[in-house]
PDB file of N, CA and C in Angstrom:
ATOM      1  N   MET A   1       0.934  -1.287  -0.034  1.00  0.00           N
ATOM      2  CA  MET A   1       0.116  -0.122  -0.062  1.00  0.00           C
ATOM      3  C   MET A   1       0.778   1.021   0.064  1.00  0.00           C
ATOM      4  N   ILE A   2       0.527   2.639  -0.982  1.00  0.00           N
ATOM      5  CA  ILE A   2       1.581   3.200  -1.340  1.00  0.00           C
ATOM      6  C   ILE A   2       0.375   4.415  -0.062  1.00  0.00           C
ATOM      7  N   LYS A   3       1.016   5.375   0.521  1.00  0.00           N
ATOM      8  CA  LYS A   3       0.378   6.269   1.170  1.00  0.00           C
ATOM      9  C   LYS A   3       0.673   7.406   0.832  1.00  0.00           C
ATOM     10  N   TYR A   4       0.020   8.584   0.510  1.00  0.00           N
ATOM     11  CA  TYR A   4       0.312   9.910   0.108  1.00  0.00           C
ATOM     12  C   TYR A   4      -0.508  10.801   1.131  1.00  0.00           C
ATOM     13  N   GLY A   5       0.487  12.005   1.475  1.00  0.00           N
ATOM     14  CA  GLY A   5      -0.059  12.901   2.793  1.00  0.00           C
ATOM     15  C   GLY A   5       0.963  14.607   2.355  1.00  0.00           C
ATOM     16  N   LYS A   6       0.450  15.330   2.906  1.00  0.00           N
ATOM     17  CA  LYS A   6       1.038  16.439   2.932  1.00  0.00           C
ATOM     18  C   LYS A   6       2.530  16.781   4.100  1.00  0.00           C
ATOM     19  N   ILE A   7       3.423  17.280   3.762  1.00  0.00           N
ATOM     20  CA  ILE A   7       4.306  17.101   5.079  1.00  0.00           C
ATOM     21  C   ILE A   7       4.445  18.868   4.858  1.00  0.00           C
ATOM     22  N   SER A   8       4.283  18.962   6.033  1.00  0.00           N
ATOM     23  CA  SER A   8       4.261  20.339   6.761  1.00  0.00           C
ATOM     24  C   SER A   8       5.431  20.714   7.567  1.00  0.00           C
ATOM     25  N   ILE A   9       6.416  21.588   7.155  1.00  0.00           N
ATOM     26  CA  ILE A   9       7.547  22.144   8.193  1.00  0.00           C
ATOM     27  C   ILE A   9       7.537  23.473   8.177  1.00  0.00           C
ATOM     28  N   GLY A  10       7.611  23.844   9.819  1.00  0.00           N
ATOM     29  CA  GLY A  10       7.118  25.139  10.144  1.00  0.00           C
ATOM     30  C   GLY A  10       8.696  26.169   9.550  1.00  0.00           C
ATOM     31  N   ASP A  11       8.518  27.537  10.220  1.00  0.00           N
ATOM     32  CA  ASP A  11       9.667  28.465   9.962  1.00  0.00           C
ATOM     33  C   ASP A  11      10.522  27.902  11.168  1.00  0.00           C
ATOM     34  N   ASN A  12      11.997  28.013  11.072  1.00  0.00           N
ATOM     35  CA  ASN A  12      13.586  28.198  11.493  1.00  0.00           C
ATOM     36  C   ASN A  12      13.198  26.417  12.246  1.00  0.00           C
ATOM     37  N   CYS A  13      13.174  25.331  11.305  1.00  0.00           N
ATOM     38  CA  CYS A  13      13.341  24.334  11.839  1.00  0.00           C
ATOM     39  C   CYS A  13      14.654  23.785  11.424  1.00  0.00           C
ATOM     40  N   PHE A  14      15.466  22.989  12.052  1.00  0.00           N
ATOM     41  CA  PHE A  14      16.775  22.326  11.940  1.00  0.00           C
ATOM     42  C   PHE A  14      16.081  20.596  11.502  1.00  0.00           C
ATOM     43  N   ILE A  15      16.410  20.456  10.298  1.00  0.00           N
ATOM     44  CA  ILE A  15      16.184  18.503  10.433  1.00  0.00           C
ATOM     45  C   ILE A  15      17.669  18.155   9.845  1.00  0.00           C
ATOM     46  N   GLY A  16      18.254  17.137  10.502  1.00  0.00           N
ATOM     47  CA  GLY A  16      19.163  16.291  10.087  1.00  0.00           C
ATOM     48  C   GLY A  16      19.414  15.806   9.386  1.00  0.00           C
ATOM     49  N   ALA A  17      20.486  15.239   8.937  1.00  0.00           N
ATOM     50  CA  ALA A  17      20.970  14.555   7.398  1.00  0.00           C
ATOM     51  C   ALA A  17      19.937  13.156   7.831  1.00  0.00           C
ATOM     52  N   ASN A  18      19.398  12.570   6.822  1.00  0.00           N
ATOM     53  CA  ASN A  18      19.081  10.872   6.385  1.00  0.00           C
ATOM     54  C   ASN A  18      17.584  10.861   7.829  1.00  0.00           C
ATOM     55  N   VAL A  19      16.958  11.922   7.663  1.00  0.00           N
ATOM     56  CA  VAL A  19      15.896  11.855   8.550  1.00  0.00           C
ATOM     57  C   VAL A  19      14.691  11.674   7.701  1.00  0.00           C
ATOM     58  N   THR A  20      13.900  10.614   8.031  1.00  0.00           N
ATOM     59  CA  THR A  20      12.867  10.119   7.052  1.00  0.00           C
ATOM     60  C   THR A  20      11.582  10.711   7.836  1.00  0.00           C
ATOM     61  N   ILE A  21      10.284  11.487   7.406  1.00  0.00           N
ATOM     62  CA  ILE A  21       9.614  11.976   7.814  1.00  0.00           C
ATOM     63  C   ILE A  21       7.834  11.716   6.683  1.00  0.00           C
ATOM     64  N   LEU A  22       7.595  10.667   7.553  1.00  0.00           N
ATOM     65  CA  LEU A  22       5.960  10.363   7.082  1.00  0.00           C
ATOM     66  C   LEU A  22       4.615  11.409   6.284  1.00  0.00           C
ATOM     67  N   PRO A  23       4.354  10.631   5.836  1.00  0.00           N
ATOM     68  CA  PRO A  23       3.414  11.644   5.538  1.00  0.00           C
ATOM     69  C   PRO A  23       2.336  11.976   6.145  1.00  0.00           C
ATOM     70  N   GLY A  24       1.686  13.074   5.823  1.00  0.00           N
ATOM     71  CA  GLY A  24       0.987  13.327   6.780  1.00  0.00           C
ATOM     72  C   GLY A  24       1.062  14.286   8.371  1.00  0.00           C
ATOM     73  N   VAL A  25       2.760  14.418   8.188  1.00  0.00           N
ATOM     74  CA  VAL A  25       3.597  14.681   9.451  1.00  0.00           C
ATOM     75  C   VAL A  25       3.542  16.485   9.491  1.00  0.00           C
ATOM     76  N   THR A  26       3.401  17.214  10.555  1.00  0.00           N
ATOM     77  CA  THR A  26       3.664  18.396  10.329  1.00  0.00           C
ATOM     78  C   THR A  26       4.918  19.151  11.597  1.00  0.00           C
ATOM     79  N   ILE A  27       5.904  19.215  10.970  1.00  0.00           N
ATOM     80  CA  ILE A  27       7.395  19.678  11.848  1.00  0.00           C
ATOM     81  C   ILE A  27       6.855  21.024  12.707  1.00  0.00           C
ATOM     82  N   GLY A  28       6.693  21.368  13.496  1.00  0.00           N
ATOM     83  CA  GLY A  28       6.600  22.574  14.219  1.00  0.00           C
ATOM     84  C   GLY A  28       7.095  23.474  14.112  1.00  0.00           C
ATOM     85  N   PRO A  29       6.843  24.640  14.049  1.00  0.00           N
ATOM     86  CA  PRO A  29       8.368  26.108  14.051  1.00  0.00           C
ATOM     87  C   PRO A  29       8.732  25.766  15.560  1.00  0.00           C
ATOM     88  N   ASN A  30      10.422  26.178  14.622  1.00  0.00           N
ATOM     89  CA  ASN A  30      11.436  26.240  15.718  1.00  0.00           C
ATOM     90  C   ASN A  30      11.886  25.069  16.573  1.00  0.00           C
ATOM     91  N   SER A  31      12.010  23.739  15.532  1.00  0.00           N
ATOM     92  CA  SER A  31      12.058  22.468  16.236  1.00  0.00           C
ATOM     93  C   SER A  31      13.152  21.924  15.698  1.00  0.00           C
ATOM     94  N   ILE A  32      13.907  21.435  16.933  1.00  0.00           N
ATOM     95  CA  ILE A  32      15.287  20.253  15.707  1.00  0.00           C
ATOM     96  C   ILE A  32      14.541  18.711  15.592  1.00  0.00           C
ATOM     97  N   VAL A  33      15.069  18.141  14.889  1.00  0.00           N
ATOM     98  CA  VAL A  33      14.791  17.189  14.479  1.00  0.00           C
ATOM     99  C   VAL A  33      16.098  16.320  14.624  1.00  0.00           C
ATOM    100  N   GLY A  34      16.942  15.308  15.255  1.00  0.00           N
ATOM    101  CA  GLY A  34      17.780  14.622  15.001  1.00  0.00           C
ATOM    102  C   GLY A  34      18.470  13.849  13.672  1.00  0.00           C
ATOM    103  N   ALA A  35      19.518  13.762  13.339  1.00  0.00           N
ATOM    104  CA  ALA A  35      19.857  12.940  12.091  1.00  0.00           C
ATOM    105  C   ALA A  35      19.785  11.779  12.215  1.00  0.00           C
ATOM    106  N   GLY A  36      19.145  10.884  11.109  1.00  0.00           N
ATOM    107  CA  GLY A  36      18.848   9.793  11.286  1.00  0.00           C
ATOM    108  C   GLY A  36      17.443   9.610  11.662  1.00  0.00           C
ATOM    109  N   SER A  37      16.812  10.463  12.453  1.00  0.00           N
ATOM    110  CA  SER A  37      15.302  10.033  12.938  1.00  0.00           C
ATOM    111  C   SER A  37      14.169   9.754  11.824  1.00  0.00           C
ATOM    112  N   VAL A  38      13.286   9.134  12.576  1.00  0.00           N
ATOM    113  CA  VAL A  38      12.243   8.397  11.447  1.00  0.00           C
ATOM    114  C   VAL A  38      11.178   9.260  12.192  1.00  0.00           C
ATOM    115  N   VAL A  39      10.365  10.298  11.444  1.00  0.00           N
ATOM    116  CA  VAL A  39       9.296  11.067  12.435  1.00  0.00           C
ATOM    117  C   VAL A  39       7.944  10.478  11.703  1.00  0.00           C
ATOM    118  N   THR A  40       7.200  10.040  12.658  1.00  0.00           N
ATOM    119  CA  THR A  40       5.733   9.318  12.192  1.00  0.00           C
ATOM    120  C   THR A  40       4.736  10.421  12.914  1.00  0.00           C
ATOM    121  N   LYS A  41       4.864  11.042  13.408  1.00  0.00           N
ATOM    122  CA  LYS A  41       3.964  11.989  14.277  1.00  0.00           C
ATOM    123  C   LYS A  41       4.518  13.370  14.536  1.00  0.00           C
ATOM    124  N   ASN A  42       3.313  14.143  14.495  1.00  0.00           N
ATOM    125  CA  ASN A  42       3.480  15.390  14.211  1.00  0.00           C
ATOM    126  C   ASN A  42       4.314  15.686  15.588  1.00  0.00           C
ATOM    127  N   VAL A  43       5.534  16.359  15.298  1.00  0.00           N
ATOM    128  CA  VAL A  43       6.345  17.214  16.390  1.00  0.00           C
ATOM    129  C   VAL A  43       6.169  18.997  16.647  1.00  0.00           C
ATOM    130  N   GLU A  44       6.091  18.752  17.836  1.00  0.00           N
ATOM    131  CA  GLU A  44       5.692  20.064  18.413  1.00  0.00           C
ATOM    132  C   GLU A  44       6.436  21.303  18.228  1.00  0.00           C
ATOM    133  N   PRO A  45       6.329  22.684  18.578  1.00  0.00           N
ATOM    134  CA  PRO A  45       6.659  23.667  18.507  1.00  0.00           C
ATOM    135  C   PRO A  45       8.153  23.754  19.163  1.00  0.00           C
ATOM    136  N   ASP A  46       9.014  24.149  19.107  1.00  0.00           N
ATOM    137  CA  ASP A  46       9.894  24.688  20.348  1.00  0.00           C
ATOM    138  C   ASP A  46      10.225  23.216  20.811  1.00  0.00           C
ATOM    139  N   SER A  47      10.660  22.112  20.047  1.00  0.00           N
ATOM    140  CA  SER A  47      11.118  21.267  20.717  1.00  0.00           C
ATOM    141  C   SER A  47      12.121  20.226  19.570  1.00  0.00           C
ATOM    142  N   VAL A  48      12.580  19.380  20.991  1.00  0.00           N
ATOM    143  CA  VAL A  48      13.707  18.894  19.929  1.00  0.00           C
ATOM    144  C   VAL A  48      13.350  17.245  20.024  1.00  0.00           C
ATOM    145  N   TYR A  49      13.268  16.415  18.599  1.00  0.00           N
ATOM    146  CA  TYR A  49      12.997  15.449  18.379  1.00  0.00           C
ATOM    147  C   TYR A  49      14.027  14.375  18.097  1.00  0.00           C
ATOM    148  N   ALA A  50      14.033  12.996  18.721  1.00  0.00           N
ATOM    149  CA  ALA A  50      15.239  12.357  17.916  1.00  0.00           C
ATOM    150  C   ALA A  50      14.982  11.088  18.202  1.00  0.00           C
ATOM    151  N   GLY A  51      15.422   9.919  17.269  1.00  0.00           N
ATOM    152  CA  GLY A  51      15.381   8.650  17.386  1.00  0.00           C
ATOM    153  C   GLY A  51      14.152   7.787  16.693  1.00  0.00           C
ATOM    154  N   VAL A  52      14.501   6.393  15.927  1.00  0.00           N
ATOM    155  CA  VAL A  52      13.448   5.554  15.733  1.00  0.00           C
ATOM    156  C   VAL A  52      12.447   5.062  16.265  1.00  0.00           C
ATOM    157  N   PRO A  53      11.102   5.133  16.462  1.00  0.00           N
ATOM    158  CA  PRO A  53      10.679   6.753  15.911  1.00  0.00           C
ATOM    159  C   PRO A  53      11.140   8.104  16.862  1.00  0.00           C
ATOM    160  N   ALA A  54      11.541   8.846  16.128  1.00  0.00           N
ATOM    161  CA  ALA A  54      11.530  10.463  16.829  1.00  0.00           C
ATOM    162  C   ALA A  54      10.502  10.319  17.647  1.00  0.00           C
ATOM    163  N   ARG A  55      10.897  10.820  19.286  1.00  0.00           N
ATOM    164  CA  ARG A  55      10.534  10.889  20.615  1.00  0.00           C
ATOM    165  C   ARG A  55      10.838  12.686  20.773  1.00  0.00           C
ATOM    166  N   ARG A  56       9.932  13.046  21.714  1.00  0.00           N
ATOM    167  CA  ARG A  56      10.293  14.193  21.991  1.00  0.00           C
ATOM    168  C   ARG A  56      11.526  14.179  23.461  1.00  0.00           C
ATOM    169  N   ILE A  57      12.946  15.105  23.058  1.00  0.00           N
ATOM    170  CA  ILE A  57      13.773  14.698  24.086  1.00  0.00           C
ATOM    171  C   ILE A  57      13.639  15.740  24.855  1.00  0.00           C
ATOM    172  N   CYS A  58      13.601  17.256  24.846  1.00  0.00           N
ATOM    173  CA  CYS A  58      13.528  18.394  25.598  1.00  0.00           C
ATOM    174  C   CYS A  58      12.757  19.277  24.561  1.00  0.00           C
ATOM    175  N   SER A  59      12.204  20.551  25.672  1.00  0.00           N
ATOM    176  CA  SER A  59      12.315  21.664  24.722  1.00  0.00           C
ATOM    177  C   SER A  59      13.701  22.675  24.177  1.00  0.00           C
ATOM    178  N   LEU A  60      13.333  23.461  23.228  1.00  0.00           N
ATOM    179  CA  LEU A  60      14.555  23.816  22.971  1.00  0.00           C
ATOM    180  C   LEU A  60      15.415  24.879  23.611  1.00  0.00           C
ATOM    181  N   ARG A  61      14.334  25.304  24.241  1.00  0.00           N
ATOM    182  CA  ARG A  61      14.920  26.260  25.611  1.00  0.00           C
ATOM    183  C   ARG A  61      15.636  24.976  26.627  1.00  0.00           C
ATOM    184  N   GLU A  62      15.854  24.487  26.975  1.00  0.00           N
ATOM    185  CA  GLU A  62      16.488  23.656  27.664  1.00  0.00           C
ATOM    186  C   GLU A  62      17.634  22.988  27.114  1.00  0.00           C
ATOM    187  N   TYR A  63      17.556  22.788  25.559  1.00  0.00           N
ATOM    188  CA  TYR A  63      18.809  22.565  25.110  1.00  0.00           C
ATOM    189  C   TYR A  63      19.698  23.211  24.596  1.00  0.00           C
ATOM    190  N   ALA A  64      19.056  24.807  24.683  1.00  0.00           N
ATOM    191  CA  ALA A  64      19.978  26.160  24.495  1.00  0.00           C
ATOM    192  C   ALA A  64      20.262  26.176  25.864  1.00  0.00           C
ATOM    193  N   ASP A  65      20.058  26.006  26.639  1.00  0.00           N
ATOM    194  CA  ASP A  65      20.628  26.609  28.006  1.00  0.00           C
ATOM    195  C   ASP A  65      21.526  25.141  28.312  1.00  0.00           C
ATOM    196  N   LYS A  66      21.686  24.004  28.042  1.00  0.00           N
ATOM    197  CA  LYS A  66      22.621  22.845  28.416  1.00  0.00           C
ATOM    198  C   LYS A  66      23.619  23.194  27.274  1.00  0.00           C
ATOM    199  N   CYS A  67      23.411  23.996  26.390  1.00  0.00           N
ATOM    200  CA  CYS A  67      24.637  24.029  25.065  1.00  0.00           C
ATOM    201  C   CYS A  67      25.585  25.317  25.815  1.00  0.00           C
ATOM    202  N   LEU A  68      24.762  26.405  26.045  1.00  0.00           N
ATOM    203  CA  LEU A  68      25.539  27.506  26.440  1.00  0.00           C
ATOM    204  C   LEU A  68      26.049  26.731  27.827  1.00  0.00           C
ATOM    205  N   GLU A  69      25.733  25.810  28.432  1.00  0.00           N
ATOM    206  CA  GLU A  69      26.310  26.089  29.826  1.00  0.00           C
ATOM    207  C   GLU A  69      27.576  24.679  29.586  1.00  0.00           C
ATOM    208  N   ASN A  70      27.917  24.118  28.614  1.00  0.00           N
ATOM    209  CA  ASN A  70      28.726  23.420  27.934  1.00  0.00           C
ATOM    210  C   ASN A  70      29.736  23.962  27.387  1.00  0.00           C
ATOM    211  N   THR A  71      29.127  25.474  27.070  1.00  0.00           N
ATOM    212  CA  THR A  71      29.949  26.562  26.155  1.00  0.00           C
ATOM    213  C   THR A  71      31.224  27.339  26.599  1.00  0.00           C
ATOM    214  N   PRO A  72      32.594  27.191  26.871  1.00  0.00           N
ATOM    215  CA  PRO A  72      33.664  27.475  27.462  1.00  0.00           C
ATOM    216  C   PRO A  72      33.667  29.054  27.028  1.00  0.00           C
ATOM    217  N   ALA A  73      33.771  30.180  28.443  1.00  0.00           N
ATOM    218  CA  ALA A  73      34.275  31.244  28.622  1.00  0.00           C
ATOM    219  C   ALA A  73      35.292  31.761  27.557  1.00  0.00           C
ATOM    220  N   TYR A  74      35.380  32.518  26.515  1.00  0.00           N
ATOM    221  CA  TYR A  74      36.442  32.967  25.827  1.00  0.00           C
ATOM    222  C   TYR A  74      36.467  34.655  25.949  1.00  0.00           C
ATOM    223  N   ASN A  75      37.381  35.363  25.291  1.00  0.00           N
ATOM    224  CA  ASN A  75      37.527  36.282  25.153  1.00  0.00           C
ATOM    225  C   ASN A  75      37.368  37.280  23.501  1.00  0.00           C
ATOM    226  N   LYS A  76      36.223  37.870  23.708  1.00  0.00           N
ATOM    227  CA  LYS A  76      35.420  38.324  22.089  1.00  0.00           C
ATOM    228  C   LYS A  76      36.819  38.602  21.429  1.00  0.00           C
ATOM    229  N   GLU A  77      37.421  39.206  21.689  1.00  0.00           N
ATOM    230  CA  GLU A  77      38.479  40.409  21.230  1.00  0.00           C
ATOM    231  C   GLU A  77      39.686  39.752  20.919  1.00  0.00           C
ATOM    232  N   ALA A  78      39.967  39.003  22.081  1.00  0.00           N
ATOM    233  CA  ALA A  78      40.843  38.234  21.463  1.00  0.00           C
ATOM    234  C   ALA A  78      40.997  36.992  20.128  1.00  0.00           C
ATOM    235  N   TYR A  79      39.295  36.333  20.379  1.00  0.00           N
ATOM    236  CA  TYR A  79      39.226  35.711  19.673  1.00  0.00           C
ATOM    237  C   TYR A  79      39.251  35.966  17.468  1.00  0.00           C
ATOM    238  N   CYS A  80      38.531  37.885  17.874  1.00  0.00           N
ATOM    239  CA  CYS A  80      38.939  38.049  16.500  1.00  0.00           C
ATOM    240  C   CYS A  80      40.407  38.691  16.386  1.00  0.00           C
ATOM    241  N   ARG A  81      41.123  38.804  17.123  1.00  0.00           N
ATOM    242  CA  ARG A  81      42.387  39.317  16.464  1.00  0.00           C
ATOM    243  C   ARG A  81      43.293  37.786  15.811  1.00  0.00           C
ATOM    244  N   ASP A  82      43.245  36.777  16.706  1.00  0.00           N
ATOM    245  CA  ASP A  82      43.422  35.767  16.256  1.00  0.00           C
ATOM    246  C   ASP A  82      43.069  34.458  17.003  1.00  0.00           C
ATOM    247  N   LYS A  83      42.242  33.581  15.895  1.00  0.00           N
ATOM    248  CA  LYS A  83      41.149  32.861  16.297  1.00  0.00           C
ATOM    249  C   LYS A  83      42.273  31.544  17.308  1.00  0.00           C
ATOM    250  N   LYS A  84      43.128  31.123  16.286  1.00  0.00           N
ATOM    251  CA  LYS A  84      43.786  29.987  16.658  1.00  0.00           C
ATOM    252  C   LYS A  84      44.221  30.324  17.697  1.00  0.00           C
ATOM    253  N   LYS A  85      45.285  31.161  18.411  1.00  0.00           N
ATOM    254  CA  LYS A  85      45.726  31.640  19.748  1.00  0.00           C
ATOM    255  C   LYS A  85      44.206  31.260  21.065  1.00  0.00           C
ATOM    256  N   GLU A  86      43.166  32.231  20.697  1.00  0.00           N
ATOM    257  CA  GLU A  86      42.140  32.063  21.618  1.00  0.00           C
ATOM    258  C   GLU A  86      41.537  30.372  21.855  1.00  0.00           C
ATOM    259  N   VAL A  87      41.606  29.664  20.767  1.00  0.00           N
ATOM    260  CA  VAL A  87      40.748  28.485  20.636  1.00  0.00           C
ATOM    261  C   VAL A  87      42.186  27.869  21.765  1.00  0.00           C
ATOM    262  N   LEU A  88      43.027  27.765  21.447  1.00  0.00           N
ATOM    263  CA  LEU A  88      44.334  26.909  22.047  1.00  0.00           C
ATOM    264  C   LEU A  88      44.447  27.189  23.453  1.00  0.00           C
ATOM    265  N   ARG A  89      44.280  28.808  23.410  1.00  0.00           N
ATOM    266  CA  ARG A  89      44.060  29.078  25.082  1.00  0.00           C
ATOM    267  C   ARG A  89      43.071  28.442  26.178  1.00  0.00           C
ATOM    268  N   ILE A  90      41.769  28.027  25.645  1.00  0.00           N
ATOM    269  CA  ILE A  90      40.370  27.841  25.816  1.00  0.00           C
ATOM    270  C   ILE A  90      40.732  26.392  25.852  1.00  0.00           C
ATOM    271  N   LEU A  91      41.151  25.677  25.552  1.00  0.00           N
ATOM    272  CA  LEU A  91      41.143  24.452  25.465  1.00  0.00           C
ATOM    273  C   LEU A  91      42.416  23.957  26.283  1.00  0.00           C
ATOM    274  N   ASN A  92      43.491  24.745  26.615  1.00  0.00           N
ATOM    275  CA  ASN A  92      44.691  24.474  27.447  1.00  0.00           C
ATOM    276  C   ASN A  92      44.542  24.418  28.967  1.00  0.00           C
ATOM    277  N   SER A  93      42.706  25.738  28.892  1.00  0.00           N
ATOM    278  CA  SER A  93      42.772  25.904  30.265  1.00  0.00           C
ATOM    279  C   SER A  93      41.785  24.756  30.752  1.00  0.00           C
ATOM    280  N   GLU A  94      41.318  23.993  30.013  1.00  0.00           N
ATOM    281  CA  GLU A  94      40.593  23.104  30.728  1.00  0.00           C
ATOM    282  C   GLU A  94      41.211  21.714  31.425  1.00  0.00           C
TER     283      GLU A  94
END
């Protein structure tokens, strides 16, 4: 049996490589779908989904907070002057 259906993708979404989206699914705005996922149901707005089948991992806000928490502090002016030197300074300080 072949099934057809409209796939709707909202604004500002990131869909990883090799994602399969089944017919009739809506990807809400400001969402992330992890690489290799199979989306069988609608994706909520402002959410992160991944897996086979894709499931909600966390909210976009929780994901952003986690990313910022794991980002090392750096000196923006030093980075603009000499990127390599500033990155090496950060890596050596950890």
